[in-house]
PDB file of N, CA and C in Angstrom:
ATOM      1  N   MET A   1      92.210 110.099 103.697  1.00  0.00           N
ATOM      2  CA  MET A   1      92.303 108.826 104.382  1.00  0.00           C
ATOM      3  C   MET A   1      92.665 107.722 103.377  1.00  0.00           C
ATOM      4  N   GLN A   2      93.697 106.947 103.694  1.00  0.00           N
ATOM      5  CA  GLN A   2      94.164 105.870 102.821  1.00  0.00           C
ATOM      6  C   GLN A   2      93.380 104.598 103.124  1.00  0.00           C
ATOM      7  N   LEU A   3      92.716 104.043 102.093  1.00  0.00           N
ATOM      8  CA  LEU A   3      91.902 102.849 102.294  1.00  0.00           C
ATOM      9  C   LEU A   3      92.676 101.561 102.056  1.00  0.00           C
ATOM     10  N   PHE A   4      93.695 101.606 101.190  1.00  0.00           N
ATOM     11  CA  PHE A   4      94.423 100.404 100.835  1.00  0.00           C
ATOM     12  C   PHE A   4      95.896 100.539 101.204  1.00  0.00           C
ATOM     13  N   LEU A   5      96.491  99.423 101.618  1.00  0.00           N
ATOM     14  CA  LEU A   5      97.911  99.412 101.949  1.00  0.00           C
ATOM     15  C   LEU A   5      98.730  99.336 100.662  1.00  0.00           C
ATOM     16  N   THR A   6      99.921  99.931 100.685  1.00  0.00           N
ATOM     17  CA  THR A   6     100.833  99.821  99.550  1.00  0.00           C
ATOM     18  C   THR A   6     101.470  98.434  99.576  1.00  0.00           C
ATOM     19  N   LYS A   7     102.115  98.050  98.467  1.00  0.00           N
ATOM     20  CA  LYS A   7     102.767  96.743  98.429  1.00  0.00           C
ATOM     21  C   LYS A   7     103.855  96.633  99.491  1.00  0.00           C
ATOM     22  N   GLU A   8     104.563  97.715  99.724  1.00  0.00           N
ATOM     23  CA  GLU A   8     105.614  97.703 100.748  1.00  0.00           C
ATOM     24  C   GLU A   8     105.008  97.504 102.138  1.00  0.00           C
ATOM     25  N   GLU A   9     103.896  98.165 102.410  1.00  0.00           N
ATOM     26  CA  GLU A   9     103.221  98.007 103.709  1.00  0.00           C
ATOM     27  C   GLU A   9     102.699  96.577 103.876  1.00  0.00           C
ATOM     28  N   LEU A  10     102.194  95.984 102.790  1.00  0.00           N
ATOM     29  CA  LEU A  10     101.729  94.599 102.853  1.00  0.00           C
ATOM     30  C   LEU A  10     102.879  93.655 103.159  1.00  0.00           C
ATOM     31  N   ARG A  11     104.025  93.859 102.494  1.00  0.00           N
ATOM     32  CA  ARG A  11     105.183  92.985 102.740  1.00  0.00           C
ATOM     33  C   ARG A  11     105.648  93.073 104.190  1.00  0.00           C
ATOM     34  N   LYS A  12     105.639  94.290 104.748  1.00  0.00           N
ATOM     35  CA  LYS A  12     106.044  94.458 106.151  1.00  0.00           C
ATOM     36  C   LYS A  12     105.090  93.718 107.081  1.00  0.00           C
ATOM     37  N   ALA A  13     103.819  93.587 106.659  1.00  0.00           N
ATOM     38  CA  ALA A  13     102.819  92.886 107.454  1.00  0.00           C
ATOM     39  C   ALA A  13     102.848  91.379 107.202  1.00  0.00           C
ATOM     40  N   GLY A  14     103.756  90.923 106.323  1.00  0.00           N
ATOM     41  CA  GLY A  14     103.865  89.503 106.008  1.00  0.00           C
ATOM     42  C   GLY A  14     102.915  89.054 104.927  1.00  0.00           C
ATOM     43  N   LYS A  15     102.281  90.008 104.221  1.00  0.00           N
ATOM     44  CA  LYS A  15     101.358  89.662 103.148  1.00  0.00           C
ATOM     45  C   LYS A  15     101.955  90.045 101.807  1.00  0.00           C
ATOM     46  N   VAL A  16     101.602  89.275 100.797  1.00  0.00           N
ATOM     47  CA  VAL A  16     102.123  89.486  99.450  1.00  0.00           C
ATOM     48  C   VAL A  16     100.986  89.307  98.448  1.00  0.00           C
ATOM     49  N   SER A  17     101.267  89.530  97.180  1.00  0.00           N
ATOM     50  CA  SER A  17     100.315  89.282  96.099  1.00  0.00           C
ATOM     51  C   SER A  17     100.887  88.199  95.210  1.00  0.00           C
ATOM     52  N   CYS A  18     100.038  87.290  94.730  1.00  0.00           N
ATOM     53  CA  CYS A  18     100.509  86.211  93.861  1.00  0.00           C
ATOM     54  C   CYS A  18     101.257  86.755  92.649  1.00  0.00           C
ATOM     55  N   GLU A  19     100.773  87.849  92.096  1.00  0.00           N
ATOM     56  CA  GLU A  19     101.395  88.364  90.877  1.00  0.00           C
ATOM     57  C   GLU A  19     102.832  88.796  91.094  1.00  0.00           C
ATOM     58  N   ASP A  20     103.254  89.005  92.343  1.00  0.00           N
ATOM     59  CA  ASP A  20     104.630  89.400  92.645  1.00  0.00           C
ATOM     60  C   ASP A  20     105.545  88.200  92.900  1.00  0.00           C
ATOM     61  N   CYS A  21     104.969  87.001  92.892  1.00  0.00           N
ATOM     62  CA  CYS A  21     105.729  85.792  93.227  1.00  0.00           C
ATOM     63  C   CYS A  21     106.252  85.123  91.971  1.00  0.00           C
ATOM     64  N   GLN A  22     107.473  84.586  92.034  1.00  0.00           N
ATOM     65  CA  GLN A  22     108.046  83.933  90.858  1.00  0.00           C
ATOM     66  C   GLN A  22     107.320  82.634  90.518  1.00  0.00           C
ATOM     67  N   HIS A  23     106.521  82.109  91.439  1.00  0.00           N
ATOM     68  CA  HIS A  23     105.779  80.872  91.174  1.00  0.00           C
ATOM     69  C   HIS A  23     104.421  81.131  90.528  1.00  0.00           C
ATOM     70  N   PHE A  24     104.006  82.398  90.432  1.00  0.00           N
ATOM     71  CA  PHE A  24     102.713  82.712  89.830  1.00  0.00           C
ATOM     72  C   PHE A  24     102.803  82.608  88.316  1.00  0.00           C
ATOM     73  N   GLU A  25     101.913  81.815  87.733  1.00  0.00           N
ATOM     74  CA  GLU A  25     101.840  81.657  86.283  1.00  0.00           C
ATOM     75  C   GLU A  25     100.617  82.430  85.807  1.00  0.00           C
ATOM     76  N   PRO A  26     100.820  83.552  85.104  1.00  0.00           N
ATOM     77  CA  PRO A  26      99.673  84.359  84.680  1.00  0.00           C
ATOM     78  C   PRO A  26      98.808  83.636  83.662  1.00  0.00           C
ATOM     79  N   GLY A  27      97.543  84.019  83.654  1.00  0.00           N
ATOM     80  CA  GLY A  27      96.608  83.463  82.685  1.00  0.00           C
ATOM     81  C   GLY A  27      96.610  84.295  81.417  1.00  0.00           C
ATOM     82  N   SER A  28      95.551  84.165  80.650  1.00  0.00           N
ATOM     83  CA  SER A  28      95.496  84.826  79.353  1.00  0.00           C
ATOM     84  C   SER A  28      95.043  86.282  79.432  1.00  0.00           C
ATOM     85  N   THR A  29      94.563  86.728  80.595  1.00  0.00           N
ATOM     86  CA  THR A  29      94.133  88.120  80.735  1.00  0.00           C
ATOM     87  C   THR A  29      95.036  88.836  81.734  1.00  0.00           C
ATOM     88  N   PRO A  30      95.362  90.110  81.513  1.00  0.00           N
ATOM     89  CA  PRO A  30      96.238  90.834  82.433  1.00  0.00           C
ATOM     90  C   PRO A  30      95.637  90.900  83.835  1.00  0.00           C
ATOM     91  N   SER A  31      96.424  90.544  84.835  1.00  0.00           N
ATOM     92  CA  SER A  31      95.992  90.548  86.240  1.00  0.00           C
ATOM     93  C   SER A  31      94.702  89.772  86.442  1.00  0.00           C
ATOM     94  N   GLY A  32      94.496  88.753  85.630  1.00  0.00           N
ATOM     95  CA  GLY A  32      93.284  87.955  85.739  1.00  0.00           C
ATOM     96  C   GLY A  32      93.605  86.531  86.144  1.00  0.00           C
ATOM     97  N   LEU A  33      93.041  85.573  85.429  1.00  0.00           N
ATOM     98  CA  LEU A  33      93.211  84.175  85.793  1.00  0.00           C
ATOM     99  C   LEU A  33      94.665  83.750  85.731  1.00  0.00           C
ATOM    100  N   GLY A  34      95.054  82.924  86.669  1.00  0.00           N
ATOM    101  CA  GLY A  34      96.400  82.394  86.730  1.00  0.00           C
ATOM    102  C   GLY A  34      96.427  81.290  87.768  1.00  0.00           C
ATOM    103  N   PHE A  35      97.609  80.772  88.068  1.00  0.00           N
ATOM    104  CA  PHE A  35      97.705  79.729  89.085  1.00  0.00           C
ATOM    105  C   PHE A  35      99.070  79.740  89.740  1.00  0.00           C
ATOM    106  N   CYS A  36      99.164  79.062  90.851  1.00  0.00           N
ATOM    107  CA  CYS A  36     100.431  78.904  91.566  1.00  0.00           C
ATOM    108  C   CYS A  36     101.105  77.647  91.038  1.00  0.00           C
ATOM    109  N   ALA A  37     102.288  77.798  90.448  1.00  0.00           N
ATOM    110  CA  ALA A  37     102.993  76.667  89.854  1.00  0.00           C
ATOM    111  C   ALA A  37     103.383  75.624  90.904  1.00  0.00           C
ATOM    112  N   LEU A  38     103.539  76.028  92.166  1.00  0.00           N
ATOM    113  CA  LEU A  38     103.908  75.077  93.213  1.00  0.00           C
ATOM    114  C   LEU A  38     102.797  74.068  93.488  1.00  0.00           C
ATOM    115  N   THR A  39     101.559  74.453  93.228  1.00  0.00           N
ATOM    116  CA  THR A  39     100.443  73.573  93.549  1.00  0.00           C
ATOM    117  C   THR A  39      99.715  73.061  92.316  1.00  0.00           C
ATOM    118  N   GLN A  40     100.243  73.326  91.136  1.00  0.00           N
ATOM    119  CA  GLN A  40      99.545  72.975  89.901  1.00  0.00           C
ATOM    120  C   GLN A  40      99.191  71.493  89.846  1.00  0.00           C
ATOM    121  N   ASN A  41     100.081  70.643  90.279  1.00  0.00           N
ATOM    122  CA  ASN A  41      99.851  69.198  90.192  1.00  0.00           C
ATOM    123  C   ASN A  41      99.788  68.531  91.564  1.00  0.00           C
ATOM    124  N   ARG A  42      99.411  69.304  92.587  1.00  0.00           N
ATOM    125  CA  ARG A  42      99.396  68.757  93.954  1.00  0.00           C
ATOM    126  C   ARG A  42      98.297  67.703  94.108  1.00  0.00           C
ATOM    127  N   GLN A  43      98.609  66.650  94.841  1.00  0.00           N
ATOM    128  CA  GLN A  43      97.669  65.562  95.086  1.00  0.00           C
ATOM    129  C   GLN A  43      97.511  65.350  96.596  1.00  0.00           C
ATOM    130  N   ALA A  44      96.364  64.825  96.993  1.00  0.00           N
ATOM    131  CA  ALA A  44      96.108  64.491  98.393  1.00  0.00           C
ATOM    132  C   ALA A  44      95.524  63.081  98.462  1.00  0.00           C
ATOM    133  N   ARG A  45      95.840  62.369  99.528  1.00  0.00           N
ATOM    134  CA  ARG A  45      95.329  61.011  99.698  1.00  0.00           C
ATOM    135  C   ARG A  45      94.089  61.060 100.580  1.00  0.00           C
ATOM    136  N   VAL A  46      93.001  60.448 100.112  1.00  0.00           N
ATOM    137  CA  VAL A  46      91.752  60.375 100.875  1.00  0.00           C
ATOM    138  C   VAL A  46      91.811  59.123 101.731  1.00  0.00           C
ATOM    139  N   GLU A  47      91.814  59.311 103.054  1.00  0.00           N
ATOM    140  CA  GLU A  47      91.975  58.181 103.983  1.00  0.00           C
ATOM    141  C   GLU A  47      90.866  57.143 103.832  1.00  0.00           C
ATOM    142  N   GLU A  48      89.613  57.604 103.649  1.00  0.00           N
ATOM    143  CA  GLU A  48      88.479  56.681 103.600  1.00  0.00           C
ATOM    144  C   GLU A  48      88.552  55.729 102.408  1.00  0.00           C
ATOM    145  N   THR A  49      89.013  56.223 101.271  1.00  0.00           N
ATOM    146  CA  THR A  49      89.034  55.405 100.053  1.00  0.00           C
ATOM    147  C   THR A  49      90.433  54.940  99.662  1.00  0.00           C
ATOM    148  N   GLY A  50      91.448  55.610 100.197  1.00  0.00           N
ATOM    149  CA  GLY A  50      92.814  55.273  99.831  1.00  0.00           C
ATOM    150  C   GLY A  50      93.232  55.821  98.470  1.00  0.00           C
ATOM    151  N   LYS A  51      92.344  56.602  97.845  1.00  0.00           N
ATOM    152  CA  LYS A  51      92.645  57.156  96.528  1.00  0.00           C
ATOM    153  C   LYS A  51      93.400  58.472  96.649  1.00  0.00           C
ATOM    154  N   THR A  52      94.165  58.783  95.617  1.00  0.00           N
ATOM    155  CA  THR A  52      94.862  60.060  95.522  1.00  0.00           C
ATOM    156  C   THR A  52      94.083  60.934  94.549  1.00  0.00           C
ATOM    157  N   VAL A  53      93.752  62.148  94.993  1.00  0.00           N
ATOM    158  CA  VAL A  53      92.923  63.052  94.179  1.00  0.00           C
ATOM    159  C   VAL A  53      93.582  64.426  94.098  1.00  0.00           C
ATOM    160  N   PRO A  54      93.204  65.240  93.084  1.00  0.00           N
ATOM    161  CA  PRO A  54      93.725  66.613  93.017  1.00  0.00           C
ATOM    162  C   PRO A  54      93.349  67.388  94.270  1.00  0.00           C
ATOM    163  N   ASP A  55      94.285  68.212  94.785  1.00  0.00           N
ATOM    164  CA  ASP A  55      94.058  68.949  96.021  1.00  0.00           C
ATOM    165  C   ASP A  55      94.351  70.431  95.822  1.00  0.00           C
ATOM    166  N   ARG A  56      93.314  71.251  95.742  1.00  0.00           N
ATOM    167  CA  ARG A  56      93.456  72.697  95.667  1.00  0.00           C
ATOM    168  C   ARG A  56      94.463  73.110  94.598  1.00  0.00           C
ATOM    169  N   GLN A  57      94.406  72.468  93.453  1.00  0.00           N
ATOM    170  CA  GLN A  57      95.374  72.766  92.402  1.00  0.00           C
ATOM    171  C   GLN A  57      95.273  74.213  91.954  1.00  0.00           C
ATOM    172  N   GLY A  58      96.427  74.850  91.865  1.00  0.00           N
ATOM    173  CA  GLY A  58      96.489  76.221  91.394  1.00  0.00           C
ATOM    174  C   GLY A  58      96.314  77.260  92.468  1.00  0.00           C
ATOM    175  N   LEU A  59      95.886  76.846  93.669  1.00  0.00           N
ATOM    176  CA  LEU A  59      95.741  77.804  94.751  1.00  0.00           C
ATOM    177  C   LEU A  59      97.090  78.043  95.411  1.00  0.00           C
ATOM    178  N   PRO A  60      97.297  79.219  95.973  1.00  0.00           N
ATOM    179  CA  PRO A  60      98.557  79.484  96.661  1.00  0.00           C
ATOM    180  C   PRO A  60      98.730  78.529  97.841  1.00  0.00           C
ATOM    181  N   PRO A  61      99.932  78.079  98.120  1.00  0.00           N
ATOM    182  CA  PRO A  61     100.139  77.197  99.277  1.00  0.00           C
ATOM    183  C   PRO A  61      99.923  77.937 100.586  1.00  0.00           C
ATOM    184  N   ASP A  62      99.624  77.178 101.624  1.00  0.00           N
ATOM    185  CA  ASP A  62      99.500  77.695 102.987  1.00  0.00           C
ATOM    186  C   ASP A  62      98.424  78.769 103.141  1.00  0.00           C
ATOM    187  N   THR A  63      97.333  78.641 102.425  1.00  0.00           N
ATOM    188  CA  THR A  63      96.230  79.578 102.636  1.00  0.00           C
ATOM    189  C   THR A  63      95.330  79.038 103.731  1.00  0.00           C
ATOM    190  N   ASN A  64      94.457  79.877 104.246  1.00  0.00           N
ATOM    191  CA  ASN A  64      93.489  79.437 105.239  1.00  0.00           C
ATOM    192  C   ASN A  64      92.543  78.445 104.566  1.00  0.00           C
ATOM    193  N   PRO A  65      92.422  77.216 105.068  1.00  0.00           N
ATOM    194  CA  PRO A  65      91.584  76.219 104.393  1.00  0.00           C
ATOM    195  C   PRO A  65      90.108  76.596 104.373  1.00  0.00           C
ATOM    196  N   ASP A  66      89.695  77.504 105.267  1.00  0.00           N
ATOM    197  CA  ASP A  66      88.285  77.898 105.312  1.00  0.00           C
ATOM    198  C   ASP A  66      87.941  78.958 104.278  1.00  0.00           C
ATOM    199  N   HIS A  67      88.877  79.844 103.976  1.00  0.00           N
ATOM    200  CA  HIS A  67      88.592  80.909 103.014  1.00  0.00           C
ATOM    201  C   HIS A  67      89.841  81.351 102.271  1.00  0.00           C
ATOM    202  N   GLY A  68      90.575  80.388 101.717  1.00  0.00           N
ATOM    203  CA  GLY A  68      91.789  80.706 100.961  1.00  0.00           C
ATOM    204  C   GLY A  68      91.447  81.431  99.673  1.00  0.00           C
ATOM    205  N   TYR A  69      92.390  82.223  99.187  1.00  0.00           N
ATOM    206  CA  TYR A  69      92.188  82.969  97.944  1.00  0.00           C
ATOM    207  C   TYR A  69      92.629  82.126  96.762  1.00  0.00           C
ATOM    208  N   ALA A  70      91.832  82.120  95.724  1.00  0.00           N
ATOM    209  CA  ALA A  70      92.247  81.443  94.492  1.00  0.00           C
ATOM    210  C   ALA A  70      93.309  82.299  93.807  1.00  0.00           C
ATOM    211  N   ALA A  71      94.222  81.648  93.089  1.00  0.00           N
ATOM    212  CA  ALA A  71      95.267  82.389  92.392  1.00  0.00           C
ATOM    213  C   ALA A  71      94.688  83.197  91.242  1.00  0.00           C
ATOM    214  N   CYS A  72      93.410  82.987  90.931  1.00  0.00           N
ATOM    215  CA  CYS A  72      92.804  83.800  89.872  1.00  0.00           C
ATOM    216  C   CYS A  72      92.539  85.215  90.366  1.00  0.00           C
ATOM    217  N   PHE A  73      92.833  85.498  91.615  1.00  0.00           N
ATOM    218  CA  PHE A  73      92.785  86.858  92.142  1.00  0.00           C
ATOM    219  C   PHE A  73      94.203  87.228  92.576  1.00  0.00           C
ATOM    220  N   PRO A  74      95.122  87.422  91.613  1.00  0.00           N
ATOM    221  CA  PRO A  74      96.545  87.566  91.945  1.00  0.00           C
ATOM    222  C   PRO A  74      96.885  88.814  92.747  1.00  0.00           C
ATOM    223  N   MET A  75      95.993  89.813  92.746  1.00  0.00           N
ATOM    224  CA  MET A  75      96.308  91.043  93.471  1.00  0.00           C
ATOM    225  C   MET A  75      95.756  91.027  94.892  1.00  0.00           C
ATOM    226  N   ALA A  76      95.035  89.955  95.280  1.00  0.00           N
ATOM    227  CA  ALA A  76      94.497  89.869  96.633  1.00  0.00           C
ATOM    228  C   ALA A  76      95.639  89.616  97.612  1.00  0.00           C
ATOM    229  N   PRO A  77      95.765  90.420  98.675  1.00  0.00           N
ATOM    230  CA  PRO A  77      96.838  90.191  99.634  1.00  0.00           C
ATOM    231  C   PRO A  77      96.652  88.870 100.350  1.00  0.00           C
ATOM    232  N   ARG A  78      97.740  88.180 100.577  1.00  0.00           N
ATOM    233  CA  ARG A  78      97.674  86.882 101.252  1.00  0.00           C
ATOM    234  C   ARG A  78      98.991  86.614 101.955  1.00  0.00           C
ATOM    235  N   VAL A  79      98.990  85.655 102.854  1.00  0.00           N
ATOM    236  CA  VAL A  79     100.203  85.217 103.519  1.00  0.00           C
ATOM    237  C   VAL A  79     100.617  83.909 102.854  1.00  0.00           C
ATOM    238  N   CYS A  80     101.855  83.813 102.428  1.00  0.00           N
ATOM    239  CA  CYS A  80     102.330  82.595 101.761  1.00  0.00           C
ATOM    240  C   CYS A  80     103.752  82.312 102.223  1.00  0.00           C
ATOM    241  N   GLY A  81     103.932  81.217 102.929  1.00  0.00           N
ATOM    242  CA  GLY A  81     105.250  80.852 103.444  1.00  0.00           C
ATOM    243  C   GLY A  81     106.253  80.502 102.359  1.00  0.00           C
ATOM    244  N   LYS A  82     105.760  80.194 101.145  1.00  0.00           N
ATOM    245  CA  LYS A  82     106.654  79.800 100.062  1.00  0.00           C
ATOM    246  C   LYS A  82     106.837  80.911  99.039  1.00  0.00           C
ATOM    247  N   PHE A  83     106.435  82.139  99.393  1.00  0.00           N
ATOM    248  CA  PHE A  83     106.576  83.275  98.489  1.00  0.00           C
ATOM    249  C   PHE A  83     108.036  83.511  98.147  1.00  0.00           C
ATOM    250  N   GLN A  84     108.319  83.653  96.859  1.00  0.00           N
ATOM    251  CA  GLN A  84     109.649  84.039  96.396  1.00  0.00           C
ATOM    252  C   GLN A  84     109.450  85.156  95.382  1.00  0.00           C
ATOM    253  N   GLU A  85     110.025  86.294  95.667  1.00  0.00           N
ATOM    254  CA  GLU A  85     109.839  87.459  94.824  1.00  0.00           C
ATOM    255  C   GLU A  85     110.378  87.211  93.426  1.00  0.00           C
ATOM    256  N   LYS A  86     109.683  87.764  92.433  1.00  0.00           N
ATOM    257  CA  LYS A  86     110.161  87.659  91.051  1.00  0.00           C
ATOM    258  C   LYS A  86     111.478  88.379  90.928  1.00  0.00           C
ATOM    259  N   PRO A  87     112.409  87.823  90.158  1.00  0.00           N
ATOM    260  CA  PRO A  87     113.685  88.520  89.944  1.00  0.00           C
ATOM    261  C   PRO A  87     113.436  89.836  89.203  1.00  0.00           C
ATOM    262  N   ALA A  88     114.276  90.799  89.450  1.00  0.00           N
ATOM    263  CA  ALA A  88     114.141  92.110  88.779  1.00  0.00           C
ATOM    264  C   ALA A  88     114.305  91.928  87.275  1.00  0.00           C
ATOM    265  N   ALA A  89     113.487  92.640  86.534  1.00  0.00           N
ATOM    266  CA  ALA A  89     113.551  92.553  85.083  1.00  0.00           C
ATOM    267  C   ALA A  89     114.867  93.138  84.582  1.00  0.00           C
ATOM    268  N   ILE A  90     115.455  92.480  83.602  1.00  0.00           N
ATOM    269  CA  ILE A  90     116.707  92.979  83.022  1.00  0.00           C
ATOM    270  C   ILE A  90     116.364  94.014  81.964  1.00  0.00           C
ATOM    271  N   ALA A  91     116.913  95.192  82.118  1.00  0.00           N
ATOM    272  CA  ALA A  91     116.584  96.290  81.191  1.00  0.00           C
ATOM    273  C   ALA A  91     117.455  96.255  79.957  1.00  0.00           C
TER     274      ALA A  91
END
């Protein structure tokens, strides 16, 4: 019995892994800490105060606001509307 989906099966289901995205910036440990370059400097405006504050910096865009995955778990499957596959490595 297969417990985990393959990367191809995840892609067919509309899910991807941050580590496969060209916007993923790896951290100092293999498959460990990292961030989404698209959201690294994202800001949000707080209506009550009118101030602009950091907003979910480093998290993948378009995650579920209730339980989104941090980019420090790059192998966790997720849905990301801005996913762009990494270009193939030149041999």
